[in-house]
Amino acid sequence: MITPLPLDLVPAVLVDELVDAGLDPAATYAHVALAFDEDLPTGHDVTAEAMPEMGVAVADVASREQGVVAGLGVAELAFRYALGEEVEVLHRAADGTRVEPGDVVMTVRGPVAGVLTAERTALNFASHLSGVATATAAWVDALDGTGAQVLDTRKTLPGWRALQKYAVRCGGGVNHRFSLSDRAMVKDNHVVAAGGVVEAYQRVRRAQPDLRVEVEVTDLDELVTVLEAGCTEVLLDNMDSPTMAEAVRLNAGRATLEASGGLTLERAAEVGATGVDFVSVGALTHSVRVFDLGLDFRED
């Protein structure tokens, strides 16, 4: 039966690490607790508890493929939640580390039954977040030399936004806004509601004079219009590469330009070469493939 280790007994160094990563330790701990609630609604692992006493073992979490790891601190938190002071983390790679197949990224020592109970929950966090980091790193590599940076979006899994955006940073990407409150973005439906792109921009600017405001445009005429209205952040929506290049020329450095919509990794270098400042990619978080990590007990 799982008796969770209280957050205030989690090693201070791990709590500090979560804070340094921009994660709320209490919220992250609650996220881990929810994951265990799903796996252990009665508090019991009926398979592990049916096994004979197997003592203490050492287990390695290893990469099964090439990529970038993230979320290993959250995986450690999961082991500590389940095993309390009975678990010892012998090794943990830094999030953001590039790995090859077979690389050991984490080693834990603890009761065999407890490690088996915590295994899937810990791996779920690390595998998903490593998938986000790996996908981001692929875009970073593809954009290398162009001057463009890859951005995430709000297309995140419910409840996972802080963790997914952290994993984007581990992969070398840049975070866009975290919520509808920390930055304004005028999109197509706002334009319809306000009666025009400039009208929508100006309404937001009047209502939130101290807030950053980005405006989505779909053609070069709209771009020129919003630039003349004083907009300093523009999203170029679903434009082909020649049109984006012309947008960069017309912009002449007045605003930061973000390319978005219909982008693929195969087009990344071409889009970056147009001169845009950012490339935003919802797929980094909304449909990423999990990274293959596995846990194996060491043989004596």
C-alpha atoms as a PDB file:
ATOM      1  CA  MET A   1       0.000   0.000   0.000  1.00  0.00           C
ATOM      2  CA  ILE A   2       1.288   3.490  -0.897  1.00  0.00           C
ATOM      3  CA  THR A   3       1.807   5.944   1.957  1.00  0.00           C
ATOM      4  CA  PRO A   4       2.835   9.163   0.154  1.00  0.00           C
ATOM      5  CA  LEU A   5       5.869  11.056   1.397  1.00  0.00           C
ATOM      6  CA  PRO A   6       4.733  14.604   2.320  1.00  0.00           C
ATOM      7  CA  LEU A   7       6.139  17.322   0.097  1.00  0.00           C
ATOM      8  CA  ASP A   8       7.928  18.936   3.030  1.00  0.00           C
ATOM      9  CA  LEU A   9      10.013  15.762   3.406  1.00  0.00           C
ATOM     10  CA  VAL A  10      11.093  15.717  -0.243  1.00  0.00           C
ATOM     11  CA  PRO A  11      14.813  16.627  -0.432  1.00  0.00           C
ATOM     12  CA  ALA A  12      15.219  20.391  -0.556  1.00  0.00           C
ATOM     13  CA  VAL A  13      17.586  20.105  -3.501  1.00  0.00           C
ATOM     14  CA  LEU A  14      14.817  18.542  -5.623  1.00  0.00           C
ATOM     15  CA  VAL A  15      12.299  21.184  -4.565  1.00  0.00           C
ATOM     16  CA  ASP A  16      14.822  23.918  -5.403  1.00  0.00           C
ATOM     17  CA  GLU A  17      15.419  22.291  -8.776  1.00  0.00           C
ATOM     18  CA  LEU A  18      11.709  22.399  -9.604  1.00  0.00           C
ATOM     19  CA  VAL A  19      11.590  26.075  -8.634  1.00  0.00           C
ATOM     20  CA  ASP A  20      14.651  26.821 -10.785  1.00  0.00           C
ATOM     21  CA  ALA A  21      12.907  25.058 -13.683  1.00  0.00           C
ATOM     22  CA  GLY A  22       9.957  27.417 -13.335  1.00  0.00           C
ATOM     23  CA  LEU A  23       7.692  24.697 -11.928  1.00  0.00           C
ATOM     24  CA  ASP A  24       5.564  25.013  -8.820  1.00  0.00           C
ATOM     25  CA  PRO A  25       6.674  22.149  -6.515  1.00  0.00           C
ATOM     26  CA  ALA A  26       3.274  21.907  -4.827  1.00  0.00           C
ATOM     27  CA  ALA A  27       1.418  21.838  -8.150  1.00  0.00           C
ATOM     28  CA  THR A  28       3.857  19.304  -9.599  1.00  0.00           C
ATOM     29  CA  TYR A  29       3.491  17.145  -6.500  1.00  0.00           C
ATOM     30  CA  ALA A  30      -0.294  17.351  -6.826  1.00  0.00           C
ATOM     31  CA  HIS A  31       0.038  16.290 -10.471  1.00  0.00           C
ATOM     32  CA  VAL A  32       2.061  13.252  -9.387  1.00  0.00           C
ATOM     33  CA  ALA A  33      -0.516  12.478  -6.696  1.00  0.00           C
ATOM     34  CA  LEU A  34      -3.316  12.578  -9.285  1.00  0.00           C
ATOM     35  CA  ALA A  35      -1.404  10.144 -11.479  1.00  0.00           C
ATOM     36  CA  PHE A  36      -1.081   7.713  -8.582  1.00  0.00           C
ATOM     37  CA  ASP A  37      -4.769   8.159  -7.736  1.00  0.00           C
ATOM     38  CA  GLU A  38      -5.560   6.918 -11.253  1.00  0.00           C
ATOM     39  CA  ASP A  39      -3.245   3.935 -10.919  1.00  0.00           C
ATOM     40  CA  LEU A  40      -4.023   3.097  -7.290  1.00  0.00           C
ATOM     41  CA  PRO A  41      -7.626   4.059  -6.508  1.00  0.00           C
ATOM     42  CA  THR A  42      -7.559   1.756  -3.464  1.00  0.00           C
ATOM     43  CA  GLY A  43      -3.949   2.460  -2.539  1.00  0.00           C
ATOM     44  CA  HIS A  44      -2.956  -1.096  -3.418  1.00  0.00           C
ATOM     45  CA  ASP A  45      -0.955  -2.646  -6.259  1.00  0.00           C
ATOM     46  CA  VAL A  46      -2.675  -6.032  -6.235  1.00  0.00           C
ATOM     47  CA  THR A  47      -0.016  -7.671  -8.423  1.00  0.00           C
ATOM     48  CA  ALA A  48       3.050  -6.458  -6.539  1.00  0.00           C
ATOM     49  CA  GLU A  49       1.491  -7.163  -3.163  1.00  0.00           C
ATOM     50  CA  ALA A  50       0.826 -10.777  -4.198  1.00  0.00           C
ATOM     51  CA  MET A  51       4.519 -11.381  -4.822  1.00  0.00           C
ATOM     52  CA  PRO A  52       6.864 -12.794  -2.154  1.00  0.00           C
ATOM     53  CA  GLU A  53       9.181 -10.395  -0.325  1.00  0.00           C
ATOM     54  CA  MET A  54      11.887  -9.637  -2.879  1.00  0.00           C
ATOM     55  CA  GLY A  55      14.092  -7.277  -0.898  1.00  0.00           C
ATOM     56  CA  VAL A  56      15.879  -4.264  -2.320  1.00  0.00           C
ATOM     57  CA  ALA A  57      17.076  -3.839  -5.900  1.00  0.00           C
ATOM     58  CA  VAL A  58      18.815  -1.305  -8.120  1.00  0.00           C
ATOM     59  CA  ALA A  59      17.008  -0.278 -11.297  1.00  0.00           C
ATOM     60  CA  ASP A  60      18.198   1.744 -14.282  1.00  0.00           C
ATOM     61  CA  VAL A  61      15.995   3.989 -16.402  1.00  0.00           C
ATOM     62  CA  ALA A  62      17.562   3.885 -19.844  1.00  0.00           C
ATOM     63  CA  SER A  63      16.930   5.468 -23.217  1.00  0.00           C
ATOM     64  CA  ARG A  64      15.782   3.173 -26.003  1.00  0.00           C
ATOM     65  CA  GLU A  65      16.380   5.772 -28.711  1.00  0.00           C
ATOM     66  CA  GLN A  66      18.220   8.973 -29.593  1.00  0.00           C
ATOM     67  CA  GLY A  67      16.829  12.227 -28.275  1.00  0.00           C
ATOM     68  CA  VAL A  68      16.672  14.741 -25.436  1.00  0.00           C
ATOM     69  CA  VAL A  69      15.483  13.853 -21.951  1.00  0.00           C
ATOM     70  CA  ALA A  70      13.234  15.982 -19.753  1.00  0.00           C
ATOM     71  CA  GLY A  71      11.068  15.450 -16.701  1.00  0.00           C
ATOM     72  CA  LEU A  72      13.536  13.269 -14.822  1.00  0.00           C
ATOM     73  CA  GLY A  73      13.098  15.431 -11.730  1.00  0.00           C
ATOM     74  CA  VAL A  74       9.354  14.783 -11.918  1.00  0.00           C
ATOM     75  CA  ALA A  75      10.060  11.061 -12.301  1.00  0.00           C
ATOM     76  CA  GLU A  76      12.196  11.231  -9.163  1.00  0.00           C
ATOM     77  CA  LEU A  77       9.334  12.987  -7.388  1.00  0.00           C
ATOM     78  CA  ALA A  78       7.079  10.095  -8.397  1.00  0.00           C
ATOM     79  CA  PHE A  79       9.460   7.515  -6.955  1.00  0.00           C
ATOM     80  CA  ARG A  80       9.719   9.525  -3.750  1.00  0.00           C
ATOM     81  CA  TYR A  81       5.948   9.949  -3.548  1.00  0.00           C
ATOM     82  CA  ALA A  82       5.504   6.180  -3.749  1.00  0.00           C
ATOM     83  CA  LEU A  83       8.508   4.998  -1.747  1.00  0.00           C
ATOM     84  CA  GLY A  84       9.245   7.851   0.631  1.00  0.00           C
ATOM     85  CA  GLU A  85      12.599   7.583   2.332  1.00  0.00           C
ATOM     86  CA  GLU A  86      12.971   3.979   1.185  1.00  0.00           C
ATOM     87  CA  VAL A  87      14.117   5.080  -2.252  1.00  0.00           C
ATOM     88  CA  GLU A  88      17.590   6.343  -3.084  1.00  0.00           C
ATOM     89  CA  VAL A  89      18.334   8.087  -6.361  1.00  0.00           C
ATOM     90  CA  LEU A  90      21.879   7.068  -7.249  1.00  0.00           C
ATOM     91  CA  HIS A  91      22.102   8.922 -10.551  1.00  0.00           C
ATOM     92  CA  ARG A  92      19.996  11.295 -12.612  1.00  0.00           C
ATOM     93  CA  ALA A  93      20.991  12.973 -15.877  1.00  0.00           C
ATOM     94  CA  ALA A  94      20.289  16.666 -16.265  1.00  0.00           C
ATOM     95  CA  ASP A  95      17.121  17.536 -18.139  1.00  0.00           C
ATOM     96  CA  GLY A  96      18.064  18.755 -21.599  1.00  0.00           C
ATOM     97  CA  THR A  97      20.766  16.107 -22.021  1.00  0.00           C
ATOM     98  CA  ARG A  98      21.058  14.562 -25.473  1.00  0.00           C
ATOM     99  CA  VAL A  99      21.125  10.776 -25.216  1.00  0.00           C
ATOM    100  CA  GLU A 100      21.720   7.713 -27.349  1.00  0.00           C
ATOM    101  CA  PRO A 101      20.096   4.275 -27.155  1.00  0.00           C
ATOM    102  CA  GLY A 102      21.255   2.477 -24.029  1.00  0.00           C
ATOM    103  CA  ASP A 103      22.239   5.575 -22.074  1.00  0.00           C
ATOM    104  CA  VAL A 104      21.229   5.300 -18.422  1.00  0.00           C
ATOM    105  CA  VAL A 105      19.474   8.511 -17.428  1.00  0.00           C
ATOM    106  CA  MET A 106      18.410   7.571 -13.898  1.00  0.00           C
ATOM    107  CA  THR A 107      19.253   4.898 -11.337  1.00  0.00           C
ATOM    108  CA  VAL A 108      17.221   4.181  -8.220  1.00  0.00           C
ATOM    109  CA  ARG A 109      17.561   1.764  -5.320  1.00  0.00           C
ATOM    110  CA  GLY A 110      14.530   0.674  -3.341  1.00  0.00           C
ATOM    111  CA  PRO A 111      12.160  -2.134  -2.370  1.00  0.00           C
ATOM    112  CA  VAL A 112      11.439  -4.253  -5.421  1.00  0.00           C
ATOM    113  CA  ALA A 113       7.663  -4.170  -5.007  1.00  0.00           C
ATOM    114  CA  GLY A 114       7.625  -0.398  -4.499  1.00  0.00           C
ATOM    115  CA  VAL A 115       9.811   0.287  -7.533  1.00  0.00           C
ATOM    116  CA  LEU A 116       7.484  -1.877  -9.639  1.00  0.00           C
ATOM    117  CA  THR A 117       4.472   0.066  -8.363  1.00  0.00           C
ATOM    118  CA  ALA A 118       6.049   3.458  -9.140  1.00  0.00           C
ATOM    119  CA  GLU A 119       7.665   2.451 -12.439  1.00  0.00           C
ATOM    120  CA  ARG A 120       4.897   3.304 -14.902  1.00  0.00           C
ATOM    121  CA  THR A 121       3.889   6.580 -13.280  1.00  0.00           C
ATOM    122  CA  ALA A 122       7.490   7.797 -13.201  1.00  0.00           C
ATOM    123  CA  LEU A 123       8.077   6.712 -16.796  1.00  0.00           C
ATOM    124  CA  ASN A 124       4.839   8.307 -18.006  1.00  0.00           C
ATOM    125  CA  PHE A 125       6.070  11.731 -16.892  1.00  0.00           C
ATOM    126  CA  ALA A 126       9.629  11.326 -18.175  1.00  0.00           C
ATOM    127  CA  SER A 127       8.658   9.648 -21.464  1.00  0.00           C
ATOM    128  CA  HIS A 128       6.084  12.261 -22.423  1.00  0.00           C
ATOM    129  CA  LEU A 129       8.210  15.247 -21.449  1.00  0.00           C
ATOM    130  CA  SER A 130      11.275  13.766 -23.148  1.00  0.00           C
ATOM    131  CA  GLY A 131       9.119  13.393 -26.259  1.00  0.00           C
ATOM    132  CA  VAL A 132       8.318  17.121 -26.129  1.00  0.00           C
ATOM    133  CA  ALA A 133      11.985  17.994 -25.604  1.00  0.00           C
ATOM    134  CA  THR A 134      13.102  15.700 -28.427  1.00  0.00           C
ATOM    135  CA  ALA A 135      10.557  17.109 -30.876  1.00  0.00           C
ATOM    136  CA  THR A 136      11.598  20.637 -29.943  1.00  0.00           C
ATOM    137  CA  ALA A 137      15.283  19.843 -30.400  1.00  0.00           C
ATOM    138  CA  ALA A 138      14.562  18.549 -33.899  1.00  0.00           C
ATOM    139  CA  TRP A 139      13.100  21.959 -34.807  1.00  0.00           C
ATOM    140  CA  VAL A 140      15.995  23.772 -33.133  1.00  0.00           C
ATOM    141  CA  ASP A 141      18.445  21.713 -35.189  1.00  0.00           C
ATOM    142  CA  ALA A 142      16.494  22.325 -38.401  1.00  0.00           C
ATOM    143  CA  LEU A 143      16.440  26.092 -37.785  1.00  0.00           C
ATOM    144  CA  ASP A 144      20.116  26.267 -36.857  1.00  0.00           C
ATOM    145  CA  GLY A 145      21.873  29.050 -38.731  1.00  0.00           C
ATOM    146  CA  THR A 146      18.695  30.841 -39.804  1.00  0.00           C
ATOM    147  CA  GLY A 147      18.323  33.083 -36.759  1.00  0.00           C
ATOM    148  CA  ALA A 148      14.751  31.915 -36.159  1.00  0.00           C
ATOM    149  CA  GLN A 149      13.685  30.344 -32.860  1.00  0.00           C
ATOM    150  CA  VAL A 150      10.973  27.750 -32.300  1.00  0.00           C
ATOM    151  CA  LEU A 151       8.016  28.694 -30.091  1.00  0.00           C
ATOM    152  CA  ASP A 152       5.432  26.534 -28.390  1.00  0.00           C
ATOM    153  CA  THR A 153       1.711  27.389 -28.235  1.00  0.00           C
ATOM    154  CA  ARG A 154      -1.240  27.033 -25.830  1.00  0.00           C
ATOM    155  CA  LYS A 155      -2.165  23.781 -27.578  1.00  0.00           C
ATOM    156  CA  THR A 156      -1.141  21.814 -24.511  1.00  0.00           C
ATOM    157  CA  LEU A 157      -2.748  18.871 -22.723  1.00  0.00           C
ATOM    158  CA  PRO A 158      -5.125  20.019 -19.976  1.00  0.00           C
ATOM    159  CA  GLY A 159      -3.240  20.232 -16.712  1.00  0.00           C
ATOM    160  CA  TRP A 160       0.149  19.678 -18.361  1.00  0.00           C
ATOM    161  CA  ARG A 161       0.917  23.195 -19.612  1.00  0.00           C
ATOM    162  CA  ALA A 162       3.675  24.118 -17.153  1.00  0.00           C
ATOM    163  CA  LEU A 163       5.360  20.738 -17.562  1.00  0.00           C
ATOM    164  CA  GLN A 164       5.110  20.715 -21.357  1.00  0.00           C
ATOM    165  CA  LYS A 165       6.397  24.260 -21.677  1.00  0.00           C
ATOM    166  CA  TYR A 166       9.272  23.368 -19.361  1.00  0.00           C
ATOM    167  CA  ALA A 167      10.103  20.423 -21.648  1.00  0.00           C
ATOM    168  CA  VAL A 168      10.100  22.785 -24.652  1.00  0.00           C
ATOM    169  CA  ARG A 169      12.790  24.832 -22.905  1.00  0.00           C
ATOM    170  CA  CYS A 170      14.752  21.633 -22.224  1.00  0.00           C
ATOM    171  CA  GLY A 171      14.732  21.009 -25.975  1.00  0.00           C
ATOM    172  CA  GLY A 172      16.053  24.490 -26.729  1.00  0.00           C
ATOM    173  CA  GLY A 173      12.766  26.138 -27.642  1.00  0.00           C
ATOM    174  CA  VAL A 174      11.144  29.343 -26.414  1.00  0.00           C
ATOM    175  CA  ASN A 175       7.869  29.676 -24.548  1.00  0.00           C
ATOM    176  CA  HIS A 176       5.023  31.728 -25.980  1.00  0.00           C
ATOM    177  CA  ARG A 177       2.347  33.041 -23.613  1.00  0.00           C
ATOM    178  CA  PHE A 178       1.291  30.784 -20.748  1.00  0.00           C
ATOM    179  CA  SER A 179      -2.297  31.974 -20.539  1.00  0.00           C
ATOM    180  CA  LEU A 180      -4.885  34.373 -21.885  1.00  0.00           C
ATOM    181  CA  SER A 181      -3.861  36.882 -19.222  1.00  0.00           C
ATOM    182  CA  ASP A 182      -0.120  37.399 -19.586  1.00  0.00           C
ATOM    183  CA  ARG A 183      -0.159  38.488 -23.229  1.00  0.00           C
ATOM    184  CA  ALA A 184      -2.810  39.516 -25.758  1.00  0.00           C
ATOM    185  CA  MET A 185      -3.188  37.970 -29.186  1.00  0.00           C
ATOM    186  CA  VAL A 186      -5.631  39.306 -31.761  1.00  0.00           C
ATOM    187  CA  LYS A 187      -6.796  36.466 -34.013  1.00  0.00           C
ATOM    188  CA  ASP A 188      -9.278  36.059 -36.842  1.00  0.00           C
ATOM    189  CA  ASN A 189     -12.387  35.756 -34.682  1.00  0.00           C
ATOM    190  CA  HIS A 190     -11.421  38.842 -32.692  1.00  0.00           C
ATOM    191  CA  VAL A 191     -11.093  40.703 -35.989  1.00  0.00           C
ATOM    192  CA  VAL A 192     -14.619  39.650 -37.010  1.00  0.00           C
ATOM    193  CA  ALA A 193     -16.004  40.580 -33.595  1.00  0.00           C
ATOM    194  CA  ALA A 194     -14.380  44.025 -33.656  1.00  0.00           C
ATOM    195  CA  GLY A 195     -15.084  44.817 -37.296  1.00  0.00           C
ATOM    196  CA  GLY A 196     -11.505  44.911 -38.557  1.00  0.00           C
ATOM    197  CA  VAL A 197      -7.937  44.007 -37.689  1.00  0.00           C
ATOM    198  CA  VAL A 198      -6.866  47.530 -36.722  1.00  0.00           C
ATOM    199  CA  GLU A 199     -10.043  48.060 -34.730  1.00  0.00           C
ATOM    200  CA  ALA A 200      -9.410  44.833 -32.809  1.00  0.00           C
ATOM    201  CA  TYR A 201      -5.781  45.782 -32.147  1.00  0.00           C
ATOM    202  CA  GLN A 202      -6.680  49.269 -30.960  1.00  0.00           C
ATOM    203  CA  ARG A 203      -9.431  48.005 -28.647  1.00  0.00           C
ATOM    204  CA  VAL A 204      -6.993  45.666 -26.923  1.00  0.00           C
ATOM    205  CA  ARG A 205      -4.320  48.363 -26.773  1.00  0.00           C
ATOM    206  CA  ARG A 206      -6.738  50.790 -25.106  1.00  0.00           C
ATOM    207  CA  ALA A 207      -7.956  48.172 -22.644  1.00  0.00           C
ATOM    208  CA  GLN A 208      -4.473  46.844 -21.821  1.00  0.00           C
ATOM    209  CA  PRO A 209      -1.961  49.637 -22.526  1.00  0.00           C
ATOM    210  CA  ASP A 210       0.863  47.925 -20.622  1.00  0.00           C
ATOM    211  CA  LEU A 211       0.416  44.460 -22.098  1.00  0.00           C
ATOM    212  CA  ARG A 212       2.214  42.975 -25.088  1.00  0.00           C
ATOM    213  CA  VAL A 213      -0.177  42.613 -28.017  1.00  0.00           C
ATOM    214  CA  GLU A 214       0.424  40.364 -30.998  1.00  0.00           C
ATOM    215  CA  VAL A 215      -1.786  40.496 -34.097  1.00  0.00           C
ATOM    216  CA  GLU A 216      -2.423  37.647 -36.528  1.00  0.00           C
ATOM    217  CA  VAL A 217      -2.476  38.612 -40.213  1.00  0.00           C
ATOM    218  CA  THR A 218      -3.325  36.479 -43.200  1.00  0.00           C
ATOM    219  CA  ASP A 219      -1.974  38.590 -46.051  1.00  0.00           C
ATOM    220  CA  LEU A 220       0.472  41.397 -46.800  1.00  0.00           C
ATOM    221  CA  ASP A 221      -2.199  44.089 -46.895  1.00  0.00           C
ATOM    222  CA  GLU A 222      -3.175  43.295 -43.316  1.00  0.00           C
ATOM    223  CA  LEU A 223       0.496  43.295 -42.335  1.00  0.00           C
ATOM    224  CA  VAL A 224       1.077  46.791 -43.695  1.00  0.00           C
ATOM    225  CA  THR A 225      -2.105  48.019 -42.031  1.00  0.00           C
ATOM    226  CA  VAL A 226      -1.197  46.776 -38.553  1.00  0.00           C
ATOM    227  CA  LEU A 227       2.397  47.992 -38.878  1.00  0.00           C
ATOM    228  CA  GLU A 228       1.123  51.465 -39.700  1.00  0.00           C
ATOM    229  CA  ALA A 229      -1.116  51.227 -36.620  1.00  0.00           C
ATOM    230  CA  GLY A 230       1.985  50.707 -34.474  1.00  0.00           C
ATOM    231  CA  CYS A 231       1.828  46.964 -33.866  1.00  0.00           C
ATOM    232  CA  THR A 232       5.225  45.563 -32.856  1.00  0.00           C
ATOM    233  CA  GLU A 233       4.425  41.817 -32.786  1.00  0.00           C
ATOM    234  CA  VAL A 234       2.840  40.105 -35.773  1.00  0.00           C
ATOM    235  CA  LEU A 235       1.907  36.494 -36.480  1.00  0.00           C
ATOM    236  CA  LEU A 236       2.019  35.506 -40.155  1.00  0.00           C
ATOM    237  CA  ASP A 237      -0.723  32.916 -40.497  1.00  0.00           C
ATOM    238  CA  ASN A 238      -0.508  30.144 -43.102  1.00  0.00           C
ATOM    239  CA  MET A 239       1.689  32.043 -45.540  1.00  0.00           C
ATOM    240  CA  ASP A 240       3.925  30.359 -48.073  1.00  0.00           C
ATOM    241  CA  SER A 241       7.653  31.012 -47.922  1.00  0.00           C
ATOM    242  CA  PRO A 242       7.871  33.649 -50.687  1.00  0.00           C
ATOM    243  CA  THR A 243       5.060  35.632 -49.034  1.00  0.00           C
ATOM    244  CA  MET A 244       6.812  35.420 -45.672  1.00  0.00           C
ATOM    245  CA  ALA A 245      10.027  36.662 -47.247  1.00  0.00           C
ATOM    246  CA  GLU A 246       8.130  39.635 -48.692  1.00  0.00           C
ATOM    247  CA  ALA A 247       6.566  40.242 -45.281  1.00  0.00           C
ATOM    248  CA  VAL A 248      10.040  40.436 -43.769  1.00  0.00           C
ATOM    249  CA  ARG A 249      11.049  42.977 -46.433  1.00  0.00           C
ATOM    250  CA  LEU A 250       7.952  45.118 -45.865  1.00  0.00           C
ATOM    251  CA  ASN A 251       8.363  44.913 -42.116  1.00  0.00           C
ATOM    252  CA  ALA A 252      11.893  46.333 -42.300  1.00  0.00           C
ATOM    253  CA  GLY A 253      12.584  45.459 -38.676  1.00  0.00           C
ATOM    254  CA  ARG A 254       9.609  47.342 -37.227  1.00  0.00           C
ATOM    255  CA  ALA A 255       7.988  44.305 -35.564  1.00  0.00           C
ATOM    256  CA  THR A 256       8.959  40.811 -34.542  1.00  0.00           C
ATOM    257  CA  LEU A 257       7.478  38.303 -36.976  1.00  0.00           C
ATOM    258  CA  GLU A 258       6.198  34.857 -36.053  1.00  0.00           C
ATOM    259  CA  ALA A 259       5.411  32.233 -38.695  1.00  0.00           C
ATOM    260  CA  SER A 260       2.577  29.860 -37.849  1.00  0.00           C
ATOM    261  CA  GLY A 261       0.187  27.421 -39.459  1.00  0.00           C
ATOM    262  CA  GLY A 262       0.826  24.528 -41.796  1.00  0.00           C
ATOM    263  CA  LEU A 263       4.490  24.239 -40.871  1.00  0.00           C
ATOM    264  CA  THR A 264       6.409  20.978 -41.055  1.00  0.00           C
ATOM    265  CA  LEU A 265       9.881  19.987 -39.957  1.00  0.00           C
ATOM    266  CA  GLU A 266      10.809  19.472 -43.600  1.00  0.00           C
ATOM    267  CA  ARG A 267      10.017  23.161 -44.275  1.00  0.00           C
ATOM    268  CA  ALA A 268      11.728  24.484 -41.151  1.00  0.00           C
ATOM    269  CA  ALA A 269      14.993  25.627 -42.716  1.00  0.00           C
ATOM    270  CA  GLU A 270      13.169  27.183 -45.680  1.00  0.00           C
ATOM    271  CA  VAL A 271      10.835  29.123 -43.380  1.00  0.00           C
ATOM    272  CA  GLY A 272      13.658  30.206 -41.089  1.00  0.00           C
ATOM    273  CA  ALA A 273      15.613  31.448 -44.096  1.00  0.00           C
ATOM    274  CA  THR A 274      12.834  33.943 -44.930  1.00  0.00           C
ATOM    275  CA  GLY A 275      14.037  36.067 -42.021  1.00  0.00           C
ATOM    276  CA  VAL A 276      11.155  35.580 -39.579  1.00  0.00           C
ATOM    277  CA  ASP A 277      12.076  35.800 -35.910  1.00  0.00           C
ATOM    278  CA  PHE A 278      10.000  32.892 -34.623  1.00  0.00           C
ATOM    279  CA  VAL A 279       8.341  29.726 -35.856  1.00  0.00           C
ATOM    280  CA  SER A 280       5.471  28.515 -33.657  1.00  0.00           C
ATOM    281  CA  VAL A 281       4.637  24.819 -33.650  1.00  0.00           C
ATOM    282  CA  GLY A 282       1.579  23.446 -31.859  1.00  0.00           C
ATOM    283  CA  ALA A 283       2.676  19.873 -32.562  1.00  0.00           C
ATOM    284  CA  LEU A 284       5.476  20.220 -30.004  1.00  0.00           C
ATOM    285  CA  THR A 285       2.842  19.689 -27.330  1.00  0.00           C
ATOM    286  CA  HIS A 286      -0.523  18.687 -28.756  1.00  0.00           C
ATOM    287  CA  SER A 287       0.473  15.568 -30.682  1.00  0.00           C
ATOM    288  CA  VAL A 288       4.017  14.673 -29.697  1.00  0.00           C
ATOM    289  CA  ARG A 289       5.185  11.051 -29.747  1.00  0.00           C
ATOM    290  CA  VAL A 290       6.376   9.780 -26.372  1.00  0.00           C
ATOM    291  CA  PHE A 291      10.070   9.073 -25.990  1.00  0.00           C
ATOM    292  CA  ASP A 292      10.992   5.447 -25.376  1.00  0.00           C
ATOM    293  CA  LEU A 293      12.393   5.027 -21.874  1.00  0.00           C
ATOM    294  CA  GLY A 294      12.490   1.731 -20.000  1.00  0.00           C
ATOM    295  CA  LEU A 295      13.274   0.580 -16.485  1.00  0.00           C
ATOM    296  CA  ASP A 296      15.358  -2.540 -15.934  1.00  0.00           C
ATOM    297  CA  PHE A 297      16.544  -4.158 -12.727  1.00  0.00           C
ATOM    298  CA  ARG A 298      20.253  -4.790 -12.577  1.00  0.00           C
ATOM    299  CA  GLU A 299      21.387  -8.376 -12.301  1.00  0.00           C
ATOM    300  CA  ASP A 300      23.524  -9.292  -9.310  1.00  0.00           C
END
